[in-house]
Each structure stands twice: as structure tokens, then as C-alpha cells.
Amino acid sequence: MRLADSNLIVRVEGQEFILRPTLRAAYRLERQFGGFAPLMHQLLDGSLTAMAAVIREASSNPSDLPAFLEGIQSMPLRTGIDPLRTVLITFVCDLAGIDPDQQDEPRSSSPMEAKDYHEHLFKIGTGWLGWTPEATWNATIPELRAAYEGRLEMLKAIFGSEKDKTETVPEEDGLHVLKAMVASGQNKAS
């Protein structure tokens, strides 16, 4: 899980965009393209429309996009689109939660659709974590997951967990003796 280095910088011909893989960008791009796989296919095909959509949704300064696209159209394919495509594919992998450094682990549950997963993360951010909707939409998926794990650890530290609980049943004999003393009035202070 990458937290600190989640932003990607796109530089082409003097133009620079900082792309942040926010929950909002992931949710909107997944819905716009009908999933991350169709978006990846379009990026691999060199679609300027797909590239522009990714930059528009994830850029800290999307107002520079029209000038950027005008400039890129005049560049040779290899120097303009190819490097941009590589960066954007890496970025979409981040949005989709694909971590090339992570080992495949067996899943304990069935896979969730991306749309449902993003909505679940939004509920975690605004519900469990108490973040505003704006803060939740602007967080990255690793940030949301790390904050949620931190909240669970805090709750376990405060209230304990099921693993920590052992059933404590009063000793039957002691309970019977105490009840008998109460009934006979023997437990009253003199």
C-alpha cells in the first residue's frame, strides 16, 4: 500500500500535471468508461479522449488541459503520446488498486465490483471515520484503507476484541453462598 508517493507527475513539452488517485477520480472514471479494463484498452490504443478524461478527473489543475492537448497533437507520436500513455496506465493501475509490489493473497470473500467497492469506501470515510464527503472524495484509496485500519486498531485498544474476550462466569458455589447469606441477613455490616 503506497501512501506518501501516490501522486504522479505528467510532464510533456514543458507542461506539467500532478495527478492524484483520489476516490472521486476512481469512481468517476470507472463509471465513465464502464470499468477500468475498457479505460486501459483505450489508453493502450492511444485514445486522446481517454487520456484527457484521466487528466481532467485527477489533475490538480485541469484548466490547463485544452492547451496541453493542443500542444500534444503537434508532437510526434513517440515523444508525445507514448510517454504520456505509460504514465497514465500506471496511474489507472493505482486507481484500480493494482499494486505490482503486493503478493497475491487468497481472498476470504468474493470479489466486489469496483463501483460497489468505491461506494463502500465512501461509507467508511463518511461513516466510520467521520470525514466530510469532500475529504473522503479527495482521499486516495490507500489513505482510506489505512485510516480505517487505524480506526479499527483504536477501537480494539479501547474496547478489546473478540479474541481478547474470555467468558467470565461467576463460580457457582460462591454465588450460591452469597445468595444464602443475603437471604439470611448474614452479610450485613454490624
C-alpha atoms as a PDB file:
ATOM      1  CA  MET A   1       0.000   0.000   0.000  1.00  0.00           C
ATOM      2  CA  ARG A   2       1.504   3.295  -1.106  1.00  0.00           C
ATOM      3  CA  LEU A   3       0.598   6.362   0.905  1.00  0.00           C
ATOM      4  CA  ALA A   4       3.163   9.122   0.550  1.00  0.00           C
ATOM      5  CA  ASP A   5       4.119   8.725  -3.102  1.00  0.00           C
ATOM      6  CA  SER A   6       0.628   8.325  -4.533  1.00  0.00           C
ATOM      7  CA  ASN A   7       0.761  11.427  -6.762  1.00  0.00           C
ATOM      8  CA  LEU A   8       2.118  11.062 -10.290  1.00  0.00           C
ATOM      9  CA  ILE A   9       3.584  13.910 -12.298  1.00  0.00           C
ATOM     10  CA  VAL A  10       2.948  14.100 -16.036  1.00  0.00           C
ATOM     11  CA  ARG A  11       5.453  16.229 -17.961  1.00  0.00           C
ATOM     12  CA  VAL A  12       5.225  16.708 -21.701  1.00  0.00           C
ATOM     13  CA  GLU A  13       6.809  19.583 -23.629  1.00  0.00           C
ATOM     14  CA  GLY A  14       7.061  21.955 -20.673  1.00  0.00           C
ATOM     15  CA  GLN A  15       3.525  21.256 -19.429  1.00  0.00           C
ATOM     16  CA  GLU A  16       3.122  19.568 -16.070  1.00  0.00           C
ATOM     17  CA  PHE A  17       0.156  17.957 -14.366  1.00  0.00           C
ATOM     18  CA  ILE A  18       0.105  16.468 -10.898  1.00  0.00           C
ATOM     19  CA  LEU A  19      -2.299  13.531 -10.840  1.00  0.00           C
ATOM     20  CA  ARG A  20      -3.730  12.339  -7.531  1.00  0.00           C
ATOM     21  CA  PRO A  21      -5.509   8.953  -7.455  1.00  0.00           C
ATOM     22  CA  THR A  22      -8.478  10.084  -5.377  1.00  0.00           C
ATOM     23  CA  LEU A  23     -11.610   8.130  -4.627  1.00  0.00           C
ATOM     24  CA  ARG A  24     -13.524  10.689  -6.713  1.00  0.00           C
ATOM     25  CA  ALA A  25     -11.280  10.146  -9.756  1.00  0.00           C
ATOM     26  CA  ALA A  26     -11.530   6.356  -9.416  1.00  0.00           C
ATOM     27  CA  TYR A  27     -15.306   6.438  -9.031  1.00  0.00           C
ATOM     28  CA  ARG A  28     -15.943   8.839 -11.897  1.00  0.00           C
ATOM     29  CA  LEU A  29     -13.533   7.228 -14.394  1.00  0.00           C
ATOM     30  CA  GLU A  30     -14.800   3.727 -13.623  1.00  0.00           C
ATOM     31  CA  ARG A  31     -18.362   4.883 -14.267  1.00  0.00           C
ATOM     32  CA  GLN A  32     -17.493   6.934 -17.362  1.00  0.00           C
ATOM     33  CA  PHE A  33     -15.723   4.049 -19.116  1.00  0.00           C
ATOM     34  CA  GLY A  34     -17.782   1.159 -17.750  1.00  0.00           C
ATOM     35  CA  GLY A  35     -14.857  -0.221 -15.770  1.00  0.00           C
ATOM     36  CA  PHE A  36     -11.095   0.081 -15.592  1.00  0.00           C
ATOM     37  CA  ALA A  37     -10.465  -2.572 -18.257  1.00  0.00           C
ATOM     38  CA  PRO A  38     -12.165  -0.561 -21.046  1.00  0.00           C
ATOM     39  CA  LEU A  39     -10.280   2.547 -19.899  1.00  0.00           C
ATOM     40  CA  MET A  40      -6.974   0.642 -20.033  1.00  0.00           C
ATOM     41  CA  HIS A  41      -7.774  -0.631 -23.533  1.00  0.00           C
ATOM     42  CA  GLN A  42      -8.442   2.897 -24.737  1.00  0.00           C
ATOM     43  CA  LEU A  43      -5.213   4.160 -23.174  1.00  0.00           C
ATOM     44  CA  LEU A  44      -3.275   1.319 -24.802  1.00  0.00           C
ATOM     45  CA  ASP A  45      -4.842   2.280 -28.139  1.00  0.00           C
ATOM     46  CA  GLY A  46      -3.588   5.851 -27.654  1.00  0.00           C
ATOM     47  CA  SER A  47      -7.009   7.460 -27.241  1.00  0.00           C
ATOM     48  CA  LEU A  48      -6.567  11.171 -26.557  1.00  0.00           C
ATOM     49  CA  THR A  49     -10.130  11.223 -25.233  1.00  0.00           C
ATOM     50  CA  ALA A  50      -9.270   8.655 -22.558  1.00  0.00           C
ATOM     51  CA  MET A  51      -6.012  10.441 -21.725  1.00  0.00           C
ATOM     52  CA  ALA A  52      -7.830  13.763 -21.402  1.00  0.00           C
ATOM     53  CA  ALA A  53     -10.506  12.189 -19.185  1.00  0.00           C
ATOM     54  CA  VAL A  54      -7.894  10.794 -16.789  1.00  0.00           C
ATOM     55  CA  ILE A  55      -6.055  14.118 -16.611  1.00  0.00           C
ATOM     56  CA  ARG A  56      -9.297  16.078 -16.184  1.00  0.00           C
ATOM     57  CA  GLU A  57     -10.538  13.871 -13.323  1.00  0.00           C
ATOM     58  CA  ALA A  58      -7.251  13.548 -11.459  1.00  0.00           C
ATOM     59  CA  SER A  59      -5.314  16.739 -12.130  1.00  0.00           C
ATOM     60  CA  SER A  60      -4.761  19.409  -9.540  1.00  0.00           C
ATOM     61  CA  ASN A  61      -5.116  21.960 -12.372  1.00  0.00           C
ATOM     62  CA  PRO A  62      -7.462  20.627 -15.091  1.00  0.00           C
ATOM     63  CA  SER A  63      -7.943  24.105 -16.605  1.00  0.00           C
ATOM     64  CA  ASP A  64      -4.596  23.698 -18.422  1.00  0.00           C
ATOM     65  CA  LEU A  65      -5.918  20.626 -20.255  1.00  0.00           C
ATOM     66  CA  PRO A  66      -7.061  22.314 -23.515  1.00  0.00           C
ATOM     67  CA  ALA A  67      -3.675  23.968 -24.097  1.00  0.00           C
ATOM     68  CA  PHE A  68      -1.947  20.717 -23.212  1.00  0.00           C
ATOM     69  CA  LEU A  69      -3.998  18.740 -25.753  1.00  0.00           C
ATOM     70  CA  GLU A  70      -3.352  21.318 -28.470  1.00  0.00           C
ATOM     71  CA  GLY A  71       0.371  21.040 -27.841  1.00  0.00           C
ATOM     72  CA  ILE A  72       0.402  17.252 -27.798  1.00  0.00           C
ATOM     73  CA  GLN A  73      -1.385  16.979 -31.162  1.00  0.00           C
ATOM     74  CA  SER A  74       1.529  18.680 -32.890  1.00  0.00           C
ATOM     75  CA  MET A  75       4.161  16.376 -31.366  1.00  0.00           C
ATOM     76  CA  PRO A  76       5.492  13.169 -32.897  1.00  0.00           C
ATOM     77  CA  LEU A  77       3.813  10.056 -31.528  1.00  0.00           C
ATOM     78  CA  ARG A  78       6.886   8.706 -29.764  1.00  0.00           C
ATOM     79  CA  THR A  79       7.773  11.894 -27.913  1.00  0.00           C
ATOM     80  CA  GLY A  80       4.243  12.960 -27.026  1.00  0.00           C
ATOM     81  CA  ILE A  81       1.715  10.216 -26.582  1.00  0.00           C
ATOM     82  CA  ASP A  82       3.888   7.187 -25.764  1.00  0.00           C
ATOM     83  CA  PRO A  83       5.454   8.574 -22.556  1.00  0.00           C
ATOM     84  CA  LEU A  84       2.110  10.037 -21.512  1.00  0.00           C
ATOM     85  CA  ARG A  85       0.347   6.739 -22.135  1.00  0.00           C
ATOM     86  CA  THR A  86       2.842   4.866 -19.937  1.00  0.00           C
ATOM     87  CA  VAL A  87       2.354   7.264 -17.021  1.00  0.00           C
ATOM     88  CA  LEU A  88      -1.434   7.231 -17.365  1.00  0.00           C
ATOM     89  CA  ILE A  89      -1.578   3.421 -17.464  1.00  0.00           C
ATOM     90  CA  THR A  90       0.456   3.302 -14.246  1.00  0.00           C
ATOM     91  CA  PHE A  91      -1.895   5.858 -12.755  1.00  0.00           C
ATOM     92  CA  VAL A  92      -5.030   3.913 -13.721  1.00  0.00           C
ATOM     93  CA  CYS A  93      -3.475   0.805 -12.137  1.00  0.00           C
ATOM     94  CA  ASP A  94      -3.216   2.834  -8.908  1.00  0.00           C
ATOM     95  CA  LEU A  95      -6.865   3.866  -9.238  1.00  0.00           C
ATOM     96  CA  ALA A  96      -7.904   0.257  -9.787  1.00  0.00           C
ATOM     97  CA  GLY A  97      -5.991  -0.843  -6.691  1.00  0.00           C
ATOM     98  CA  ILE A  98      -3.419  -2.839  -8.631  1.00  0.00           C
ATOM     99  CA  ASP A  99      -0.177  -2.848  -6.661  1.00  0.00           C
ATOM    100  CA  PRO A 100       2.637  -4.554  -8.607  1.00  0.00           C
ATOM    101  CA  ASP A 101       4.697  -4.928  -5.409  1.00  0.00           C
ATOM    102  CA  GLN A 102       1.956  -6.746  -3.487  1.00  0.00           C
ATOM    103  CA  GLN A 103       1.912 -10.533  -3.389  1.00  0.00           C
ATOM    104  CA  ASP A 104      -1.341 -12.234  -4.375  1.00  0.00           C
ATOM    105  CA  GLU A 105      -3.093 -13.383  -1.240  1.00  0.00           C
ATOM    106  CA  PRO A 106      -6.029 -15.758  -1.073  1.00  0.00           C
ATOM    107  CA  ARG A 107      -9.304 -13.864  -0.698  1.00  0.00           C
ATOM    108  CA  SER A 108     -11.610 -14.636   2.178  1.00  0.00           C
ATOM    109  CA  SER A 109     -14.636 -13.260   0.339  1.00  0.00           C
ATOM    110  CA  SER A 110     -15.930 -12.985  -3.189  1.00  0.00           C
ATOM    111  CA  PRO A 111     -14.636 -10.072  -5.288  1.00  0.00           C
ATOM    112  CA  MET A 112     -16.608  -6.836  -5.199  1.00  0.00           C
ATOM    113  CA  GLU A 113     -17.460  -4.734  -8.248  1.00  0.00           C
ATOM    114  CA  ALA A 114     -15.379  -1.544  -8.437  1.00  0.00           C
ATOM    115  CA  LYS A 115     -18.467   0.684  -8.189  1.00  0.00           C
ATOM    116  CA  ASP A 116     -19.636  -1.142  -5.050  1.00  0.00           C
ATOM    117  CA  TYR A 117     -16.124  -1.009  -3.581  1.00  0.00           C
ATOM    118  CA  HIS A 118     -15.893   2.756  -4.139  1.00  0.00           C
ATOM    119  CA  GLU A 119     -19.309   3.282  -2.549  1.00  0.00           C
ATOM    120  CA  HIS A 120     -18.227   1.090   0.382  1.00  0.00           C
ATOM    121  CA  LEU A 121     -15.092   3.206   0.831  1.00  0.00           C
ATOM    122  CA  PHE A 122     -17.201   6.370   0.726  1.00  0.00           C
ATOM    123  CA  LYS A 123     -19.397   4.958   3.506  1.00  0.00           C
ATOM    124  CA  ILE A 124     -16.304   4.117   5.539  1.00  0.00           C
ATOM    125  CA  GLY A 125     -14.891   7.621   5.086  1.00  0.00           C
ATOM    126  CA  THR A 126     -18.082   9.485   5.913  1.00  0.00           C
ATOM    127  CA  GLY A 127     -19.400   6.992   8.470  1.00  0.00           C
ATOM    128  CA  TRP A 128     -16.711   5.114  10.357  1.00  0.00           C
ATOM    129  CA  LEU A 129     -14.058   7.785  10.022  1.00  0.00           C
ATOM    130  CA  GLY A 130     -16.366  10.783  10.344  1.00  0.00           C
ATOM    131  CA  TRP A 131     -14.753  12.604   7.425  1.00  0.00           C
ATOM    132  CA  THR A 132     -16.682  15.121   5.359  1.00  0.00           C
ATOM    133  CA  PRO A 133     -17.833  13.948   1.933  1.00  0.00           C
ATOM    134  CA  GLU A 134     -15.319  16.330   0.325  1.00  0.00           C
ATOM    135  CA  ALA A 135     -12.409  14.963   2.394  1.00  0.00           C
ATOM    136  CA  THR A 136     -13.483  11.404   1.590  1.00  0.00           C
ATOM    137  CA  TRP A 137     -13.738  12.049  -2.169  1.00  0.00           C
ATOM    138  CA  ASN A 138     -10.279  13.715  -2.129  1.00  0.00           C
ATOM    139  CA  ALA A 139      -8.569  10.896  -0.223  1.00  0.00           C
ATOM    140  CA  THR A 140      -6.728   8.136  -2.022  1.00  0.00           C
ATOM    141  CA  ILE A 141      -7.871   4.551  -1.635  1.00  0.00           C
ATOM    142  CA  PRO A 142      -4.728   3.568   0.347  1.00  0.00           C
ATOM    143  CA  GLU A 143      -5.321   6.560   2.664  1.00  0.00           C
ATOM    144  CA  LEU A 144      -8.909   5.470   3.285  1.00  0.00           C
ATOM    145  CA  ARG A 145      -7.881   1.876   3.922  1.00  0.00           C
ATOM    146  CA  ALA A 146      -5.050   2.891   6.272  1.00  0.00           C
ATOM    147  CA  ALA A 147      -7.316   5.285   8.203  1.00  0.00           C
ATOM    148  CA  TYR A 148      -9.970   2.579   8.525  1.00  0.00           C
ATOM    149  CA  GLU A 149      -7.412   0.050   9.787  1.00  0.00           C
ATOM    150  CA  GLY A 150      -6.158   2.666  12.254  1.00  0.00           C
ATOM    151  CA  ARG A 151      -9.708   3.288  13.489  1.00  0.00           C
ATOM    152  CA  LEU A 152     -10.248  -0.450  13.986  1.00  0.00           C
ATOM    153  CA  GLU A 153      -6.983  -0.718  15.935  1.00  0.00           C
ATOM    154  CA  MET A 154      -8.044   2.209  18.125  1.00  0.00           C
ATOM    155  CA  LEU A 155     -11.445   0.648  18.819  1.00  0.00           C
ATOM    156  CA  LYS A 156      -9.806  -2.688  19.661  1.00  0.00           C
ATOM    157  CA  ALA A 157      -7.406  -0.920  22.043  1.00  0.00           C
ATOM    158  CA  ILE A 158     -10.297   0.842  23.779  1.00  0.00           C
ATOM    159  CA  PHE A 159     -12.917  -1.899  23.817  1.00  0.00           C
ATOM    160  CA  GLY A 160     -10.905  -5.051  23.186  1.00  0.00           C
ATOM    161  CA  SER A 161     -11.671  -7.569  20.501  1.00  0.00           C
ATOM    162  CA  GLU A 162     -13.458 -10.883  20.300  1.00  0.00           C
ATOM    163  CA  LYS A 163     -10.081 -12.609  20.550  1.00  0.00           C
ATOM    164  CA  ASP A 164      -9.353 -10.821  23.837  1.00  0.00           C
ATOM    165  CA  LYS A 165     -12.662 -11.701  25.471  1.00  0.00           C
ATOM    166  CA  THR A 166     -12.883 -14.784  27.635  1.00  0.00           C
ATOM    167  CA  GLU A 167     -16.163 -15.776  29.111  1.00  0.00           C
ATOM    168  CA  THR A 168     -16.187 -14.998  32.808  1.00  0.00           C
ATOM    169  CA  VAL A 169     -18.837 -16.917  34.710  1.00  0.00           C
ATOM    170  CA  PRO A 170     -19.049 -16.435  38.478  1.00  0.00           C
ATOM    171  CA  GLU A 171     -18.199 -19.505  40.420  1.00  0.00           C
ATOM    172  CA  GLU A 172     -21.429 -21.337  41.101  1.00  0.00           C
ATOM    173  CA  ASP A 173     -20.559 -22.253  44.706  1.00  0.00           C
ATOM    174  CA  GLY A 174     -19.575 -18.712  45.651  1.00  0.00           C
ATOM    175  CA  LEU A 175     -22.734 -17.323  44.073  1.00  0.00           C
ATOM    176  CA  HIS A 176     -24.941 -19.784  45.985  1.00  0.00           C
ATOM    177  CA  VAL A 177     -23.180 -18.950  49.276  1.00  0.00           C
ATOM    178  CA  LEU A 178     -23.595 -15.212  48.666  1.00  0.00           C
ATOM    179  CA  LYS A 179     -27.305 -15.618  47.880  1.00  0.00           C
ATOM    180  CA  ALA A 180     -27.787 -17.689  51.046  1.00  0.00           C
ATOM    181  CA  MET A 181     -26.024 -15.045  53.146  1.00  0.00           C
ATOM    182  CA  VAL A 182     -28.197 -12.285  51.673  1.00  0.00           C
ATOM    183  CA  ALA A 183     -31.344 -14.305  52.340  1.00  0.00           C
ATOM    184  CA  SER A 184     -30.406 -14.975  55.979  1.00  0.00           C
ATOM    185  CA  GLY A 185     -29.168 -11.433  56.604  1.00  0.00           C
ATOM    186  CA  GLN A 186     -25.619 -12.606  57.451  1.00  0.00           C
ATOM    187  CA  ASN A 187     -23.870 -10.226  55.027  1.00  0.00           C
ATOM    188  CA  LYS A 188     -24.999  -7.031  56.799  1.00  0.00           C
ATOM    189  CA  ALA A 189     -22.392  -4.897  58.488  1.00  0.00           C
ATOM    190  CA  SER A 190     -22.630  -4.763  62.247  1.00  0.00           C
END
